[in-house]
């Protein structure tokens, strides 16, 4: 019986990915690297530390990574605070699950400082009964720990949880936690075959309904 819903944040609830992409590309440019749109999307969903480690290794950059990580996070938070918009259906999906008395949590790879900005910007703090960030965990997504931690904070079994994700690594994280996973990929990624591992794929949060919920049971 599903009684708990856990949401990812970036790219699912708020249109923050373009600003993470800007911050990442601007930071990598400082090291003489020009990331393509396609390259960037292969690493969507990773924590910033792992994102930097991935691309530094790929491009054989030997410099210290700490400053690059801090630069990306600072740039992204500023850009998201100033310009990011909610994704379609955010208010609807929170109301939908609140009316059905689901426990509601958030599990994100992003730092808590950004979570605070986004929850205030979207006015969703009152819905959230637990927030888990992978910021200080040994491993981020696709490792399942951030989802398992959130379920534990909510007092739920993983088998009682349905997760909403937009990234491939997030989907793998939720499935590794033995949870149901609904993916809402970016429009230009909707037809990719890799989403077949999800329990359900949507084009918008607005499209979720009772029939689809029953199909997850």
C-alpha atoms as a PDB file:
ATOM      1  CA  UNK A   1       0.000   0.000   0.000  1.00  0.00           C
ATOM      2  CA  UNK A   2       1.475   3.336  -1.047  1.00  0.00           C
ATOM      3  CA  UNK A   3       1.126   6.042   1.601  1.00  0.00           C
ATOM      4  CA  UNK A   4       4.259   8.151   1.071  1.00  0.00           C
ATOM      5  CA  UNK A   5       5.463  10.360  -1.765  1.00  0.00           C
ATOM      6  CA  UNK A   6       9.024  11.655  -2.078  1.00  0.00           C
ATOM      7  CA  UNK A   7       9.959  14.332  -4.577  1.00  0.00           C
ATOM      8  CA  UNK A   8      13.246  15.193  -6.199  1.00  0.00           C
ATOM      9  CA  UNK A   9      13.725  18.959  -6.496  1.00  0.00           C
ATOM     10  CA  UNK A  10      15.914  20.326  -9.316  1.00  0.00           C
ATOM     11  CA  UNK A  11      14.304  19.969 -12.722  1.00  0.00           C
ATOM     12  CA  UNK A  12      11.180  18.378 -11.252  1.00  0.00           C
ATOM     13  CA  UNK A  13       9.703  21.042  -8.954  1.00  0.00           C
ATOM     14  CA  UNK A  14      11.654  24.054 -10.160  1.00  0.00           C
ATOM     15  CA  UNK A  15      13.166  24.814 -13.556  1.00  0.00           C
ATOM     16  CA  UNK A  16      16.654  25.048 -12.103  1.00  0.00           C
ATOM     17  CA  UNK A  17      18.571  22.811 -14.499  1.00  0.00           C
ATOM     18  CA  UNK A  18      19.298  25.623 -17.009  1.00  0.00           C
ATOM     19  CA  UNK A  19      20.904  27.599 -14.187  1.00  0.00           C
ATOM     20  CA  UNK A  20      22.925  24.644 -12.907  1.00  0.00           C
ATOM     21  CA  UNK A  21      24.012  24.156 -16.512  1.00  0.00           C
ATOM     22  CA  UNK A  22      25.011  27.814 -16.837  1.00  0.00           C
ATOM     23  CA  UNK A  23      26.925  27.683 -13.556  1.00  0.00           C
ATOM     24  CA  UNK A  24      28.645  24.438 -14.538  1.00  0.00           C
ATOM     25  CA  UNK A  25      29.609  25.603 -18.006  1.00  0.00           C
ATOM     26  CA  UNK A  26      30.858  28.964 -16.716  1.00  0.00           C
ATOM     27  CA  UNK A  27      32.985  27.228 -14.093  1.00  0.00           C
ATOM     28  CA  UNK A  28      34.415  24.645 -16.516  1.00  0.00           C
ATOM     29  CA  UNK A  29      35.245  27.470 -18.946  1.00  0.00           C
ATOM     30  CA  UNK A  30      37.639  28.787 -16.309  1.00  0.00           C
ATOM     31  CA  UNK A  31      39.641  25.604 -16.922  1.00  0.00           C
ATOM     32  CA  UNK A  32      39.538  25.944 -20.699  1.00  0.00           C
ATOM     33  CA  UNK A  33      36.705  23.435 -21.209  1.00  0.00           C
ATOM     34  CA  UNK A  34      33.575  24.067 -23.267  1.00  0.00           C
ATOM     35  CA  UNK A  35      30.864  21.567 -22.321  1.00  0.00           C
ATOM     36  CA  UNK A  36      28.235  20.779 -24.944  1.00  0.00           C
ATOM     37  CA  UNK A  37      24.538  20.523 -24.134  1.00  0.00           C
ATOM     38  CA  UNK A  38      24.702  16.771 -24.759  1.00  0.00           C
ATOM     39  CA  UNK A  39      27.718  16.315 -22.479  1.00  0.00           C
ATOM     40  CA  UNK A  40      26.043  18.224 -19.676  1.00  0.00           C
ATOM     41  CA  UNK A  41      22.914  16.062 -19.756  1.00  0.00           C
ATOM     42  CA  UNK A  42      24.907  12.838 -19.365  1.00  0.00           C
ATOM     43  CA  UNK A  43      25.793  13.996 -15.846  1.00  0.00           C
ATOM     44  CA  UNK A  44      22.481  15.529 -14.724  1.00  0.00           C
ATOM     45  CA  UNK A  45      21.470  14.400 -11.236  1.00  0.00           C
ATOM     46  CA  UNK A  46      24.955  14.026  -9.790  1.00  0.00           C
ATOM     47  CA  UNK A  47      25.991  15.996  -6.724  1.00  0.00           C
ATOM     48  CA  UNK A  48      28.177  18.969  -7.573  1.00  0.00           C
ATOM     49  CA  UNK A  49      31.240  17.286  -6.050  1.00  0.00           C
ATOM     50  CA  UNK A  50      30.725  14.193  -8.189  1.00  0.00           C
ATOM     51  CA  UNK A  51      29.863  16.293 -11.236  1.00  0.00           C
ATOM     52  CA  UNK A  52      33.162  18.171 -10.959  1.00  0.00           C
ATOM     53  CA  UNK A  53      35.073  14.949 -10.273  1.00  0.00           C
ATOM     54  CA  UNK A  54      33.516  13.353 -13.374  1.00  0.00           C
ATOM     55  CA  UNK A  55      34.430  16.173 -15.731  1.00  0.00           C
ATOM     56  CA  UNK A  56      37.842  16.893 -14.209  1.00  0.00           C
ATOM     57  CA  UNK A  57      38.729  13.244 -14.746  1.00  0.00           C
ATOM     58  CA  UNK A  58      37.229  13.252 -18.263  1.00  0.00           C
ATOM     59  CA  UNK A  59      39.252  16.299 -19.304  1.00  0.00           C
ATOM     60  CA  UNK A  60      42.323  15.350 -17.225  1.00  0.00           C
ATOM     61  CA  UNK A  61      42.198  18.523 -15.131  1.00  0.00           C
ATOM     62  CA  UNK A  62      44.642  18.220 -12.229  1.00  0.00           C
ATOM     63  CA  UNK A  63      43.777  21.367 -10.261  1.00  0.00           C
ATOM     64  CA  UNK A  64      42.062  21.408  -6.853  1.00  0.00           C
ATOM     65  CA  UNK A  65      38.328  20.733  -7.108  1.00  0.00           C
ATOM     66  CA  UNK A  66      37.133  22.444  -3.942  1.00  0.00           C
ATOM     67  CA  UNK A  67      37.026  25.971  -5.330  1.00  0.00           C
ATOM     68  CA  UNK A  68      35.265  24.778  -8.490  1.00  0.00           C
ATOM     69  CA  UNK A  69      32.561  23.035  -6.438  1.00  0.00           C
ATOM     70  CA  UNK A  70      31.977  26.103  -4.284  1.00  0.00           C
ATOM     71  CA  UNK A  71      31.889  28.351  -7.350  1.00  0.00           C
ATOM     72  CA  UNK A  72      29.220  26.268  -9.086  1.00  0.00           C
ATOM     73  CA  UNK A  73      27.016  26.089  -5.994  1.00  0.00           C
ATOM     74  CA  UNK A  74      27.278  29.827  -5.317  1.00  0.00           C
ATOM     75  CA  UNK A  75      26.553  30.729  -8.947  1.00  0.00           C
ATOM     76  CA  UNK A  76      23.631  28.286  -9.201  1.00  0.00           C
ATOM     77  CA  UNK A  77      21.927  29.405  -5.993  1.00  0.00           C
ATOM     78  CA  UNK A  78      22.139  33.056  -7.029  1.00  0.00           C
ATOM     79  CA  UNK A  79      20.764  32.345 -10.513  1.00  0.00           C
ATOM     80  CA  UNK A  80      17.953  30.103  -9.226  1.00  0.00           C
ATOM     81  CA  UNK A  81      16.953  32.593  -6.539  1.00  0.00           C
ATOM     82  CA  UNK A  82      16.746  35.400  -9.064  1.00  0.00           C
ATOM     83  CA  UNK A  83      15.264  33.705 -12.121  1.00  0.00           C
ATOM     84  CA  UNK A  84      14.057  30.100 -11.754  1.00  0.00           C
ATOM     85  CA  UNK A  85      10.355  29.368 -12.232  1.00  0.00           C
ATOM     86  CA  UNK A  86       8.238  26.527 -10.807  1.00  0.00           C
ATOM     87  CA  UNK A  87       7.655  23.565 -13.080  1.00  0.00           C
ATOM     88  CA  UNK A  88       4.086  23.037 -14.336  1.00  0.00           C
ATOM     89  CA  UNK A  89       1.901  21.182 -11.866  1.00  0.00           C
ATOM     90  CA  UNK A  90       3.847  21.802  -8.646  1.00  0.00           C
ATOM     91  CA  UNK A  91       0.884  23.190  -6.707  1.00  0.00           C
ATOM     92  CA  UNK A  92      -1.400  20.534  -8.158  1.00  0.00           C
ATOM     93  CA  UNK A  93       0.779  17.552  -7.246  1.00  0.00           C
ATOM     94  CA  UNK A  94       1.358  18.671  -3.648  1.00  0.00           C
ATOM     95  CA  UNK A  95      -2.350  19.323  -3.136  1.00  0.00           C
ATOM     96  CA  UNK A  96      -3.173  15.992  -4.775  1.00  0.00           C
ATOM     97  CA  UNK A  97      -1.116  13.977  -2.287  1.00  0.00           C
ATOM     98  CA  UNK A  98      -1.959  16.187   0.701  1.00  0.00           C
ATOM     99  CA  UNK A  99      -5.685  15.587   0.104  1.00  0.00           C
ATOM    100  CA  UNK A 100      -5.027  11.840   0.061  1.00  0.00           C
ATOM    101  CA  UNK A 101      -3.202  12.057   3.409  1.00  0.00           C
ATOM    102  CA  UNK A 102       0.137  10.877   1.983  1.00  0.00           C
ATOM    103  CA  UNK A 103       3.272  11.577   3.951  1.00  0.00           C
ATOM    104  CA  UNK A 104       5.353  13.958   1.825  1.00  0.00           C
ATOM    105  CA  UNK A 105       9.134  14.273   1.639  1.00  0.00           C
ATOM    106  CA  UNK A 106      11.907  15.751  -0.458  1.00  0.00           C
ATOM    107  CA  UNK A 107      15.109  13.907  -1.423  1.00  0.00           C
ATOM    108  CA  UNK A 108      17.676  15.916  -3.337  1.00  0.00           C
ATOM    109  CA  UNK A 109      21.317  15.919  -4.372  1.00  0.00           C
ATOM    110  CA  UNK A 110      21.423  19.680  -3.844  1.00  0.00           C
ATOM    111  CA  UNK A 111      22.831  21.385  -0.744  1.00  0.00           C
ATOM    112  CA  UNK A 112      20.496  22.400   2.073  1.00  0.00           C
ATOM    113  CA  UNK A 113      21.203  26.069   1.320  1.00  0.00           C
ATOM    114  CA  UNK A 114      19.503  25.665  -2.064  1.00  0.00           C
ATOM    115  CA  UNK A 115      16.668  23.583  -0.596  1.00  0.00           C
ATOM    116  CA  UNK A 116      15.844  26.499   1.704  1.00  0.00           C
ATOM    117  CA  UNK A 117      15.778  28.909  -1.237  1.00  0.00           C
ATOM    118  CA  UNK A 118      13.561  26.667  -3.367  1.00  0.00           C
ATOM    119  CA  UNK A 119      11.061  25.672  -0.680  1.00  0.00           C
ATOM    120  CA  UNK A 120      10.555  29.349   0.150  1.00  0.00           C
ATOM    121  CA  UNK A 121      10.339  30.364  -3.514  1.00  0.00           C
ATOM    122  CA  UNK A 122       7.745  27.651  -4.264  1.00  0.00           C
ATOM    123  CA  UNK A 123       5.939  28.036  -0.929  1.00  0.00           C
ATOM    124  CA  UNK A 124       5.937  24.265  -0.332  1.00  0.00           C
ATOM    125  CA  UNK A 125       7.536  24.125   3.097  1.00  0.00           C
ATOM    126  CA  UNK A 126       4.215  23.479   4.863  1.00  0.00           C
ATOM    127  CA  UNK A 127       3.685  20.284   2.833  1.00  0.00           C
ATOM    128  CA  UNK A 128       7.064  18.731   3.612  1.00  0.00           C
ATOM    129  CA  UNK A 129       7.323  16.412   6.595  1.00  0.00           C
ATOM    130  CA  UNK A 130      10.923  15.410   5.840  1.00  0.00           C
ATOM    131  CA  UNK A 131      13.779  16.794   3.756  1.00  0.00           C
ATOM    132  CA  UNK A 132      16.873  14.743   2.927  1.00  0.00           C
ATOM    133  CA  UNK A 133      19.912  16.144   1.157  1.00  0.00           C
ATOM    134  CA  UNK A 134      22.771  14.033  -0.158  1.00  0.00           C
ATOM    135  CA  UNK A 135      25.122  16.979   0.404  1.00  0.00           C
ATOM    136  CA  UNK A 136      27.054  15.319   3.249  1.00  0.00           C
ATOM    137  CA  UNK A 137      26.356  11.647   2.528  1.00  0.00           C
ATOM    138  CA  UNK A 138      29.204   9.332   1.485  1.00  0.00           C
ATOM    139  CA  UNK A 139      27.425   8.787  -1.843  1.00  0.00           C
ATOM    140  CA  UNK A 140      24.812  10.751  -3.754  1.00  0.00           C
ATOM    141  CA  UNK A 141      22.370   9.618  -6.419  1.00  0.00           C
ATOM    142  CA  UNK A 142      22.346   7.075  -8.089  1.00  0.00           C
ATOM    143  CA  UNK A 143      23.087   5.570  -4.654  1.00  0.00           C
ATOM    144  CA  UNK A 144      19.740   5.060  -2.848  1.00  0.00           C
ATOM    145  CA  UNK A 145      20.784   6.429   0.559  1.00  0.00           C
ATOM    146  CA  UNK A 146      19.133   9.859   0.234  1.00  0.00           C
ATOM    147  CA  UNK A 147      15.786   8.195  -0.551  1.00  0.00           C
ATOM    148  CA  UNK A 148      16.177   5.613   2.210  1.00  0.00           C
ATOM    149  CA  UNK A 149      16.998   8.384   4.691  1.00  0.00           C
ATOM    150  CA  UNK A 150      13.918  10.356   3.680  1.00  0.00           C
ATOM    151  CA  UNK A 151      11.661   7.311   4.051  1.00  0.00           C
ATOM    152  CA  UNK A 152      13.148   6.617   7.480  1.00  0.00           C
ATOM    153  CA  UNK A 153      12.513  10.210   8.590  1.00  0.00           C
ATOM    154  CA  UNK A 154       8.898   9.811   7.455  1.00  0.00           C
ATOM    155  CA  UNK A 155       8.516   6.501   9.273  1.00  0.00           C
ATOM    156  CA  UNK A 156       7.771   4.685   6.009  1.00  0.00           C
ATOM    157  CA  UNK A 157       8.942   1.448   4.460  1.00  0.00           C
ATOM    158  CA  UNK A 158      10.557   1.892   1.026  1.00  0.00           C
ATOM    159  CA  UNK A 159       7.799  -0.375  -0.308  1.00  0.00           C
ATOM    160  CA  UNK A 160       5.222   2.232   0.763  1.00  0.00           C
ATOM    161  CA  UNK A 161       6.897   5.033  -1.218  1.00  0.00           C
ATOM    162  CA  UNK A 162       6.428   6.493  -4.671  1.00  0.00           C
ATOM    163  CA  UNK A 163       9.115   8.892  -5.908  1.00  0.00           C
ATOM    164  CA  UNK A 164       8.975  11.568  -8.572  1.00  0.00           C
ATOM    165  CA  UNK A 165      12.166  12.204 -10.545  1.00  0.00           C
ATOM    166  CA  UNK A 166      13.352  13.939 -13.698  1.00  0.00           C
ATOM    167  CA  UNK A 167      16.893  12.567 -14.039  1.00  0.00           C
ATOM    168  CA  UNK A 168      18.276   9.150 -14.943  1.00  0.00           C
ATOM    169  CA  UNK A 169      20.524   8.996 -11.871  1.00  0.00           C
ATOM    170  CA  UNK A 170      17.573   9.965  -9.683  1.00  0.00           C
ATOM    171  CA  UNK A 171      15.426   7.228 -11.205  1.00  0.00           C
ATOM    172  CA  UNK A 172      18.145   4.639 -10.531  1.00  0.00           C
ATOM    173  CA  UNK A 173      18.444   5.917  -6.954  1.00  0.00           C
ATOM    174  CA  UNK A 174      14.720   5.507  -6.309  1.00  0.00           C
ATOM    175  CA  UNK A 175      14.553   2.050  -7.891  1.00  0.00           C
ATOM    176  CA  UNK A 176      17.641   0.915  -5.957  1.00  0.00           C
ATOM    177  CA  UNK A 177      15.770   1.949  -2.804  1.00  0.00           C
ATOM    178  CA  UNK A 178      12.967  -0.451  -3.894  1.00  0.00           C
ATOM    179  CA  UNK A 179      10.504   2.393  -4.349  1.00  0.00           C
ATOM    180  CA  UNK A 180       8.054   3.066  -7.146  1.00  0.00           C
ATOM    181  CA  UNK A 181       9.360   5.785  -9.473  1.00  0.00           C
ATOM    182  CA  UNK A 182       7.492   8.227 -11.698  1.00  0.00           C
ATOM    183  CA  UNK A 183       9.746  10.118 -14.110  1.00  0.00           C
ATOM    184  CA  UNK A 184       9.005  13.480 -15.696  1.00  0.00           C
ATOM    185  CA  UNK A 185      11.907  13.903 -18.140  1.00  0.00           C
ATOM    186  CA  UNK A 186      12.798  17.151 -19.853  1.00  0.00           C
ATOM    187  CA  UNK A 187      10.894  17.579 -23.151  1.00  0.00           C
ATOM    188  CA  UNK A 188      13.968  16.876 -25.284  1.00  0.00           C
ATOM    189  CA  UNK A 189      14.595  13.613 -23.374  1.00  0.00           C
ATOM    190  CA  UNK A 190      11.052  12.217 -23.341  1.00  0.00           C
ATOM    191  CA  UNK A 191      11.606   9.579 -26.031  1.00  0.00           C
ATOM    192  CA  UNK A 192      14.839   8.130 -24.642  1.00  0.00           C
ATOM    193  CA  UNK A 193      14.660   4.393 -23.991  1.00  0.00           C
ATOM    194  CA  UNK A 194      16.487   4.619 -20.670  1.00  0.00           C
ATOM    195  CA  UNK A 195      13.271   5.690 -18.919  1.00  0.00           C
ATOM    196  CA  UNK A 196      11.897   2.167 -19.335  1.00  0.00           C
ATOM    197  CA  UNK A 197      13.231   1.327 -15.858  1.00  0.00           C
ATOM    198  CA  UNK A 198      10.665   3.702 -14.337  1.00  0.00           C
ATOM    199  CA  UNK A 199       7.222   2.545 -13.239  1.00  0.00           C
ATOM    200  CA  UNK A 200       5.579   5.463 -15.042  1.00  0.00           C
ATOM    201  CA  UNK A 201       6.665   8.275 -17.366  1.00  0.00           C
ATOM    202  CA  UNK A 202       4.801  11.598 -17.594  1.00  0.00           C
ATOM    203  CA  UNK A 203       5.228  14.745 -19.643  1.00  0.00           C
ATOM    204  CA  UNK A 204       3.980  16.914 -16.746  1.00  0.00           C
ATOM    205  CA  UNK A 205       3.140  16.670 -13.053  1.00  0.00           C
ATOM    206  CA  UNK A 206      -0.305  17.945 -14.064  1.00  0.00           C
ATOM    207  CA  UNK A 207      -1.004  14.620 -15.777  1.00  0.00           C
ATOM    208  CA  UNK A 208      -0.889  12.482 -12.644  1.00  0.00           C
ATOM    209  CA  UNK A 209      -4.280  11.193 -11.474  1.00  0.00           C
ATOM    210  CA  UNK A 210      -6.093   8.472  -9.509  1.00  0.00           C
ATOM    211  CA  UNK A 211      -6.016   6.007 -12.389  1.00  0.00           C
ATOM    212  CA  UNK A 212      -2.226   6.288 -12.666  1.00  0.00           C
ATOM    213  CA  UNK A 213      -1.825   6.049  -8.891  1.00  0.00           C
ATOM    214  CA  UNK A 214      -3.920   2.871  -8.843  1.00  0.00           C
ATOM    215  CA  UNK A 215      -1.695   1.488 -11.610  1.00  0.00           C
ATOM    216  CA  UNK A 216       1.343   1.805  -9.347  1.00  0.00           C
ATOM    217  CA  UNK A 217      -0.151  -0.330  -6.588  1.00  0.00           C
END
